[in-house]
């Protein structure tokens, strides 16, 4: 029997579905000027995107669990990537993103992604164009996979948001390009969005 079909998992899955539905008013979302800047940065290449929602119970819980796991409060609760090149950053509707949410791995729009109050755009050092091609191909190949609400990195049949990004990056020369990230994952025994921000394998292209 799969762990995803046990009665215990079904209870856990039901409980896990409740926090994302609970949120409150937020007057501090990123501004339209911020979005314009983000669009200009995204038009220049591919990025690991981290977002956070101070007004969502699920984000607060992820931050708390990150603190329990790593000893550090997490600013970010979600990770994803953009997957196309846009010539005109003013046309935000043309941007495409791939993310894993409760509905599974799917495309997302610019406005869906950046309806948040915290955002960080990261890019790896020294990734070649050919490596980016294989990374994005792997990213796109994961569309349609179910969501992993157990956050089990060893299970390739389901994907959480951080797993979608990680599995795409593994299509590059992972052991050399992302050696520090790999060490962090082995040390903590798992991966949370904030760990991408704290990893020296990436530099920050934008943060708000």
Protein backbone atom coordinates (compact mmCIF):
# COMPACT_ATOMS: atom_id res chain seq x y z
CA UNK A 1 0.00 0.00 0.00
CA UNK A 2 1.32 3.45 -0.92
CA UNK A 3 1.84 5.88 1.93
CA UNK A 4 -0.47 8.24 0.02
CA UNK A 5 -3.41 5.83 0.29
CA UNK A 6 -3.26 5.03 4.00
CA UNK A 7 -6.04 6.27 6.32
CA UNK A 8 -3.45 8.23 8.32
CA UNK A 9 -2.31 10.09 5.22
CA UNK A 10 -5.88 10.90 4.25
CA UNK A 11 -6.41 12.53 7.64
CA UNK A 12 -3.12 14.42 7.30
CA UNK A 13 -4.03 15.51 3.75
CA UNK A 14 -7.38 16.86 4.96
CA UNK A 15 -5.74 18.78 7.81
CA UNK A 16 -3.05 20.14 5.47
CA UNK A 17 -5.72 21.50 3.11
CA UNK A 18 -7.16 23.83 5.76
CA UNK A 19 -4.37 26.45 6.35
CA UNK A 20 -4.13 27.59 2.66
CA UNK A 21 -7.78 28.62 2.86
CA UNK A 22 -7.20 30.94 5.82
CA UNK A 23 -5.85 34.42 5.21
CA UNK A 24 -6.47 38.00 6.26
CA UNK A 25 -6.18 41.50 4.85
CA UNK A 26 -2.75 42.66 3.71
CA UNK A 27 -2.01 46.29 2.89
CA UNK A 28 1.67 45.73 2.15
CA UNK A 29 1.69 43.78 -1.11
CA UNK A 30 4.41 44.65 -3.59
CA UNK A 31 3.60 47.72 -5.67
CA UNK A 32 3.05 48.10 -9.39
CA UNK A 33 6.43 49.84 -9.63
CA UNK A 34 8.00 46.76 -8.00
CA UNK A 35 6.23 44.56 -10.52
CA UNK A 36 7.60 46.62 -13.38
CA UNK A 37 11.11 46.19 -12.02
CA UNK A 38 10.56 42.45 -11.54
CA UNK A 39 9.33 42.12 -15.13
CA UNK A 40 12.45 43.84 -16.43
CA UNK A 41 14.69 41.50 -14.45
CA UNK A 42 12.76 38.40 -15.53
CA UNK A 43 13.05 39.42 -19.19
CA UNK A 44 16.82 39.07 -18.92
CA UNK A 45 16.90 35.36 -18.11
CA UNK A 46 15.78 32.51 -15.88
CA UNK A 47 15.43 32.78 -12.11
CA UNK A 48 14.54 30.87 -8.99
CA UNK A 49 11.70 32.91 -7.53
CA UNK A 50 10.86 32.97 -3.83
CA UNK A 51 7.68 34.54 -2.50
CA UNK A 52 6.10 35.08 0.90
CA UNK A 53 2.66 36.05 2.18
CA UNK A 54 2.51 37.54 5.66
CA UNK A 55 -1.29 37.35 5.59
CA UNK A 56 -1.59 33.62 4.81
CA UNK A 57 -1.76 31.10 7.63
CA UNK A 58 0.00 28.50 5.48
CA UNK A 59 2.97 30.86 4.96
CA UNK A 60 3.22 31.56 8.68
CA UNK A 61 3.13 27.82 9.39
CA UNK A 62 5.86 27.12 6.82
CA UNK A 63 8.02 29.82 8.39
CA UNK A 64 7.47 28.31 11.82
CA UNK A 65 8.27 24.79 10.61
CA UNK A 66 11.40 26.14 8.90
CA UNK A 67 12.45 27.62 12.23
CA UNK A 68 11.87 24.27 13.94
CA UNK A 69 13.88 22.48 11.25
CA UNK A 70 16.74 24.93 10.65
CA UNK A 71 16.66 27.26 13.66
CA UNK A 72 15.97 30.21 11.36
CA UNK A 73 12.68 31.97 10.66
CA UNK A 74 11.88 31.87 6.96
CA UNK A 75 10.87 34.99 5.03
CA UNK A 76 9.80 32.87 2.08
CA UNK A 77 7.23 30.11 1.87
CA UNK A 78 7.12 29.30 -1.85
CA UNK A 79 9.60 28.60 -4.66
CA UNK A 80 9.11 28.46 -8.43
CA UNK A 81 10.80 29.36 -11.73
CA UNK A 82 10.05 31.35 -14.86
CA UNK A 83 10.26 29.31 -18.03
CA UNK A 84 10.38 31.57 -21.07
CA UNK A 85 12.15 34.57 -22.56
CA UNK A 86 10.08 37.73 -23.02
CA UNK A 87 11.24 40.50 -25.35
CA UNK A 88 8.80 43.09 -24.01
CA UNK A 89 8.66 43.09 -20.21
CA UNK A 90 5.73 45.54 -20.30
CA UNK A 91 3.48 42.71 -21.48
CA UNK A 92 3.30 40.80 -18.20
CA UNK A 93 0.58 38.44 -19.43
CA UNK A 94 3.12 36.69 -21.64
CA UNK A 95 5.33 35.58 -18.77
CA UNK A 96 5.01 31.92 -17.84
CA UNK A 97 5.99 30.28 -14.57
CA UNK A 98 6.01 26.70 -13.33
CA UNK A 99 5.14 26.00 -9.71
CA UNK A 100 3.82 23.23 -7.48
CA UNK A 101 0.76 24.03 -5.39
CA UNK A 102 -2.05 21.92 -3.92
CA UNK A 103 -3.41 21.35 -7.45
CA UNK A 104 -0.08 19.87 -8.60
CA UNK A 105 2.67 21.14 -10.87
CA UNK A 106 1.23 23.69 -13.31
CA UNK A 107 1.75 26.98 -15.10
CA UNK A 108 1.11 30.24 -13.26
CA UNK A 109 0.66 33.82 -14.46
CA UNK A 110 2.63 36.91 -13.48
CA UNK A 111 -0.20 38.34 -11.38
CA UNK A 112 -0.78 35.04 -9.60
CA UNK A 113 2.88 34.72 -8.67
CA UNK A 114 3.42 38.27 -7.51
CA UNK A 115 0.26 38.79 -5.46
CA UNK A 116 2.56 38.68 -2.44
CA UNK A 117 4.39 41.00 -0.06
CA UNK A 118 7.84 39.39 -0.19
CA UNK A 119 9.77 38.38 -3.29
CA UNK A 120 13.32 37.38 -4.15
CA UNK A 121 14.79 36.57 -7.57
CA UNK A 122 17.85 34.33 -7.46
CA UNK A 123 20.10 33.09 -10.22
CA UNK A 124 22.96 30.60 -10.04
CA UNK A 125 26.55 31.50 -10.78
CA UNK A 126 28.14 30.29 -14.04
CA UNK A 127 25.26 28.36 -15.62
CA UNK A 128 25.77 28.01 -19.38
CA UNK A 129 23.05 28.46 -22.00
CA UNK A 130 23.06 24.74 -22.76
CA UNK A 131 22.62 23.94 -19.06
CA UNK A 132 19.70 26.38 -18.88
CA UNK A 133 18.09 24.56 -21.80
CA UNK A 134 18.21 21.22 -19.98
CA UNK A 135 17.08 22.83 -16.71
CA UNK A 136 14.01 24.42 -18.29
CA UNK A 137 13.21 21.24 -20.25
CA UNK A 138 13.20 19.32 -16.95
CA UNK A 139 11.11 22.03 -15.30
CA UNK A 140 8.47 21.76 -18.02
CA UNK A 141 8.50 17.96 -17.97
CA UNK A 142 7.20 18.01 -14.38
CA UNK A 143 3.92 19.74 -15.30
CA UNK A 144 0.97 17.57 -14.35
CA UNK A 145 2.65 15.76 -11.46
CA UNK A 146 0.64 15.67 -8.22
CA UNK A 147 1.56 17.76 -5.19
CA UNK A 148 3.77 16.34 -2.46
CA UNK A 149 2.35 17.63 0.81
CA UNK A 150 4.67 15.27 2.72
CA UNK A 151 7.68 17.17 1.30
CA UNK A 152 9.53 13.91 0.71
CA UNK A 153 12.59 14.57 -1.45
CA UNK A 154 13.09 10.84 -1.99
CA UNK A 155 9.72 10.44 -3.75
CA UNK A 156 9.95 11.46 -7.41
CA UNK A 157 6.29 10.74 -8.19
CA UNK A 158 5.01 13.83 -6.35
CA UNK A 159 6.50 17.31 -6.13
CA UNK A 160 6.46 20.15 -3.64
CA UNK A 161 7.44 23.65 -4.76
CA UNK A 162 11.07 23.28 -3.67
CA UNK A 163 11.34 19.85 -5.29
CA UNK A 164 10.23 21.17 -8.69
CA UNK A 165 13.08 23.69 -8.63
CA UNK A 166 15.61 21.24 -7.21
CA UNK A 167 14.87 18.52 -9.75
CA UNK A 168 15.22 21.04 -12.58
CA UNK A 169 18.58 22.23 -11.25
CA UNK A 170 19.81 18.63 -11.05
CA UNK A 171 19.78 18.53 -14.85
CA UNK A 172 22.83 20.84 -14.77
CA UNK A 173 26.29 19.95 -13.47
CA UNK A 174 24.64 19.78 -10.07
CA UNK A 175 27.44 18.39 -7.93
CA UNK A 176 29.80 21.21 -8.85
CA UNK A 177 27.42 24.11 -9.54
CA UNK A 178 25.27 23.50 -6.46
CA UNK A 179 27.64 21.82 -4.02
CA UNK A 180 26.71 24.19 -1.18
CA UNK A 181 22.99 23.62 -1.69
CA UNK A 182 23.55 19.87 -1.65
CA UNK A 183 25.47 20.17 1.63
CA UNK A 184 22.65 22.20 3.18
CA UNK A 185 20.06 19.62 2.13
CA UNK A 186 22.12 16.75 3.55
CA UNK A 187 22.69 18.64 6.79
CA UNK A 188 19.04 19.55 7.34
CA UNK A 189 17.61 16.37 5.86
CA UNK A 190 15.19 18.35 3.74
CA UNK A 191 14.74 21.58 1.78
CA UNK A 192 12.69 24.72 2.51
CA UNK A 193 12.37 27.83 0.30
CA UNK A 194 14.54 30.01 2.58
CA UNK A 195 17.49 27.67 2.04
CA UNK A 196 17.71 28.79 -1.59
CA UNK A 197 18.03 32.39 -0.37
CA UNK A 198 20.68 31.48 2.18
CA UNK A 199 22.76 29.40 -0.21
CA UNK A 200 25.96 30.90 -1.63
CA UNK A 201 25.44 29.05 -4.93
CA UNK A 202 23.03 31.84 -5.93
CA UNK A 203 23.14 35.60 -6.07
CA UNK A 204 20.22 37.94 -5.49
CA UNK A 205 19.06 39.78 -8.61
CA UNK A 206 16.10 41.44 -6.88
CA UNK A 207 14.58 41.40 -3.42
CA UNK A 208 11.71 43.32 -1.89
